[in-house]
């Protein structure tokens, strides 16, 4: 799959699917960032913290600036 197919696939997703994918990527990105700063934390611990702190998403449109 090339980059153009990836973009087309991403654009075809619903806003809910895009949000789910972005949220699922958070723990891994945070774990990598923390490891880079020499403060390693497991993804599992980050996921536990997110599960406690994240409330259901409301997909309100952003206000135009």
C-alpha atoms as a PDB file:
ATOM      1  CA  UNK A   1       0.000   0.000   0.000  1.00  0.00           C
ATOM      2  CA  UNK A   2       1.479   3.374  -0.949  1.00  0.00           C
ATOM      3  CA  UNK A   3       1.009   6.751   0.704  1.00  0.00           C
ATOM      4  CA  UNK A   4      -1.794   7.799  -1.635  1.00  0.00           C
ATOM      5  CA  UNK A   5      -3.827   4.710  -0.793  1.00  0.00           C
ATOM      6  CA  UNK A   6      -3.208   5.350   2.907  1.00  0.00           C
ATOM      7  CA  UNK A   7      -4.518   8.906   2.601  1.00  0.00           C
ATOM      8  CA  UNK A   8      -7.575   7.761   0.660  1.00  0.00           C
ATOM      9  CA  UNK A   9      -8.299   5.087   3.273  1.00  0.00           C
ATOM     10  CA  UNK A  10      -7.880   7.599   6.130  1.00  0.00           C
ATOM     11  CA  UNK A  11     -10.232  10.086   4.480  1.00  0.00           C
ATOM     12  CA  UNK A  12     -12.868   7.393   4.051  1.00  0.00           C
ATOM     13  CA  UNK A  13     -13.003   6.664   7.797  1.00  0.00           C
ATOM     14  CA  UNK A  14     -15.748   8.084   9.970  1.00  0.00           C
ATOM     15  CA  UNK A  15     -14.832  10.728  12.572  1.00  0.00           C
ATOM     16  CA  UNK A  16     -15.423   8.131  15.298  1.00  0.00           C
ATOM     17  CA  UNK A  17     -12.978   5.684  13.700  1.00  0.00           C
ATOM     18  CA  UNK A  18     -10.337   8.396  13.298  1.00  0.00           C
ATOM     19  CA  UNK A  19     -10.715   9.380  16.945  1.00  0.00           C
ATOM     20  CA  UNK A  20     -10.457   5.752  18.082  1.00  0.00           C
ATOM     21  CA  UNK A  21      -7.260   5.215  16.064  1.00  0.00           C
ATOM     22  CA  UNK A  22      -5.706   8.415  17.415  1.00  0.00           C
ATOM     23  CA  UNK A  23      -6.564   7.510  21.002  1.00  0.00           C
ATOM     24  CA  UNK A  24      -5.208   3.984  20.652  1.00  0.00           C
ATOM     25  CA  UNK A  25      -1.877   5.422  19.496  1.00  0.00           C
ATOM     26  CA  UNK A  26      -1.429   7.693  22.541  1.00  0.00           C
ATOM     27  CA  UNK A  27       0.095   5.145  24.977  1.00  0.00           C
ATOM     28  CA  UNK A  28       2.735   3.984  22.529  1.00  0.00           C
ATOM     29  CA  UNK A  29       3.714   7.533  21.587  1.00  0.00           C
ATOM     30  CA  UNK A  30       3.950   8.581  25.237  1.00  0.00           C
ATOM     31  CA  UNK A  31       5.998   5.479  26.122  1.00  0.00           C
ATOM     32  CA  UNK A  32       8.438   6.206  23.285  1.00  0.00           C
ATOM     33  CA  UNK A  33       8.719   9.837  24.310  1.00  0.00           C
ATOM     34  CA  UNK A  34       9.337   8.980  27.953  1.00  0.00           C
ATOM     35  CA  UNK A  35      11.955   6.376  27.013  1.00  0.00           C
ATOM     36  CA  UNK A  36      13.698   8.949  24.829  1.00  0.00           C
ATOM     37  CA  UNK A  37      13.894  11.246  27.863  1.00  0.00           C
ATOM     38  CA  UNK A  38      15.421   8.388  29.925  1.00  0.00           C
ATOM     39  CA  UNK A  39      12.246   7.993  31.993  1.00  0.00           C
ATOM     40  CA  UNK A  40      10.814   4.714  30.697  1.00  0.00           C
ATOM     41  CA  UNK A  41       7.202   3.873  31.514  1.00  0.00           C
ATOM     42  CA  UNK A  42       5.346   0.813  30.291  1.00  0.00           C
ATOM     43  CA  UNK A  43       2.489   1.176  27.824  1.00  0.00           C
ATOM     44  CA  UNK A  44       0.330  -0.829  30.220  1.00  0.00           C
ATOM     45  CA  UNK A  45       0.749   1.771  32.959  1.00  0.00           C
ATOM     46  CA  UNK A  46      -0.079   4.580  30.550  1.00  0.00           C
ATOM     47  CA  UNK A  47      -3.190   2.720  29.355  1.00  0.00           C
ATOM     48  CA  UNK A  48      -4.319   2.290  32.973  1.00  0.00           C
ATOM     49  CA  UNK A  49      -3.948   6.016  33.594  1.00  0.00           C
ATOM     50  CA  UNK A  50      -5.849   6.881  30.445  1.00  0.00           C
ATOM     51  CA  UNK A  51      -8.639   4.483  31.319  1.00  0.00           C
ATOM     52  CA  UNK A  52      -9.076   6.260  34.657  1.00  0.00           C
ATOM     53  CA  UNK A  53      -8.950   9.769  33.236  1.00  0.00           C
ATOM     54  CA  UNK A  54     -10.619   9.626  29.821  1.00  0.00           C
ATOM     55  CA  UNK A  55     -14.302  10.207  29.584  1.00  0.00           C
ATOM     56  CA  UNK A  56     -16.428   9.286  26.582  1.00  0.00           C
ATOM     57  CA  UNK A  57     -15.684  11.378  23.550  1.00  0.00           C
ATOM     58  CA  UNK A  58     -18.079  13.993  22.448  1.00  0.00           C
ATOM     59  CA  UNK A  59     -17.658  14.706  18.791  1.00  0.00           C
ATOM     60  CA  UNK A  60     -18.614  18.351  18.876  1.00  0.00           C
ATOM     61  CA  UNK A  61     -17.539  20.350  15.837  1.00  0.00           C
ATOM     62  CA  UNK A  62     -14.693  22.730  16.479  1.00  0.00           C
ATOM     63  CA  UNK A  63     -15.494  26.417  16.582  1.00  0.00           C
ATOM     64  CA  UNK A  64     -14.261  28.404  13.636  1.00  0.00           C
ATOM     65  CA  UNK A  65     -11.623  30.927  14.592  1.00  0.00           C
END
